[in-house]
Amino acid sequence: MLVWDNLNTHLTAGMRRYIADRDWLTVFQLPSHAPDLNPVEDIWSVL
């Protein structure tokens, strides 16, 4: 299982091909801004 955010490097064609080639991999893509699902998002503005 992969929980995937929308970081621009994660949206590349190569990464999409990598995932598509693995039938066993289940991907859950997070919305663009989801601090309730990914609490680290609130920290980036402070760093």
C-alpha atoms as a PDB file:
ATOM      1  CA  MET A   1       0.000   0.000   0.000  1.00  0.00           C
ATOM      2  CA  LEU A   2       1.237   3.467  -0.865  1.00  0.00           C
ATOM      3  CA  VAL A   3      -0.199   6.707   0.487  1.00  0.00           C
ATOM      4  CA  TRP A   4       0.754   9.263  -2.121  1.00  0.00           C
ATOM      5  CA  ASP A   5       0.752  13.025  -1.765  1.00  0.00           C
ATOM      6  CA  ASN A   6       0.826  15.417  -4.711  1.00  0.00           C
ATOM      7  CA  LEU A   7       4.484  16.417  -4.530  1.00  0.00           C
ATOM      8  CA  ASN A   8       5.538  17.308  -8.078  1.00  0.00           C
ATOM      9  CA  THR A   9       8.204  14.560  -8.186  1.00  0.00           C
ATOM     10  CA  HIS A  10       5.532  12.013  -7.333  1.00  0.00           C
ATOM     11  CA  LEU A  11       3.432  13.027 -10.338  1.00  0.00           C
ATOM     12  CA  THR A  12       6.071  12.339 -12.992  1.00  0.00           C
ATOM     13  CA  ALA A  13       5.433   9.944 -15.869  1.00  0.00           C
ATOM     14  CA  GLY A  14       8.200   7.644 -14.625  1.00  0.00           C
ATOM     15  CA  MET A  15       6.601   7.303 -11.208  1.00  0.00           C
ATOM     16  CA  ARG A  16       3.184   6.646 -12.750  1.00  0.00           C
ATOM     17  CA  ARG A  17       4.710   3.912 -14.946  1.00  0.00           C
ATOM     18  CA  TYR A  18       6.475   2.399 -11.936  1.00  0.00           C
ATOM     19  CA  ILE A  19       3.158   2.154 -10.082  1.00  0.00           C
ATOM     20  CA  ALA A  20       1.214   0.926 -13.137  1.00  0.00           C
ATOM     21  CA  ASP A  21       3.702  -1.926 -13.607  1.00  0.00           C
ATOM     22  CA  ARG A  22       2.996  -3.289 -10.111  1.00  0.00           C
ATOM     23  CA  ASP A  23      -0.419  -4.934  -9.903  1.00  0.00           C
ATOM     24  CA  TRP A  24       0.085  -5.725  -6.225  1.00  0.00           C
ATOM     25  CA  LEU A  25       0.556  -2.062  -5.264  1.00  0.00           C
ATOM     26  CA  THR A  26      -2.518  -0.224  -3.988  1.00  0.00           C
ATOM     27  CA  VAL A  27      -2.218   3.573  -4.145  1.00  0.00           C
ATOM     28  CA  PHE A  28      -4.239   6.049  -2.126  1.00  0.00           C
ATOM     29  CA  GLN A  29      -3.652   9.575  -3.409  1.00  0.00           C
ATOM     30  CA  LEU A  30      -4.164  12.367  -0.911  1.00  0.00           C
ATOM     31  CA  PRO A  31      -5.892  15.624  -1.895  1.00  0.00           C
ATOM     32  CA  SER A  32      -3.637  18.584  -2.721  1.00  0.00           C
ATOM     33  CA  HIS A  33      -3.832  20.039   0.781  1.00  0.00           C
ATOM     34  CA  ALA A  34      -4.869  17.633   3.520  1.00  0.00           C
ATOM     35  CA  PRO A  35      -3.275  18.532   6.877  1.00  0.00           C
ATOM     36  CA  ASP A  36      -5.846  16.380   8.651  1.00  0.00           C
ATOM     37  CA  LEU A  37      -4.556  13.353   6.684  1.00  0.00           C
ATOM     38  CA  ASN A  38      -0.905  14.434   6.548  1.00  0.00           C
ATOM     39  CA  PRO A  39      -0.069  16.559   9.631  1.00  0.00           C
ATOM     40  CA  VAL A  40       3.440  17.408   8.405  1.00  0.00           C
ATOM     41  CA  GLU A  41       1.884  19.801   5.836  1.00  0.00           C
ATOM     42  CA  ASP A  42       1.316  22.392   8.567  1.00  0.00           C
ATOM     43  CA  ILE A  43       5.005  22.346   9.483  1.00  0.00           C
ATOM     44  CA  TRP A  44       6.413  23.317   6.054  1.00  0.00           C
ATOM     45  CA  SER A  45       5.331  26.959   6.363  1.00  0.00           C
ATOM     46  CA  VAL A  46       7.312  27.240   9.620  1.00  0.00           C
ATOM     47  CA  LEU A  47      10.549  25.748   8.263  1.00  0.00           C
END
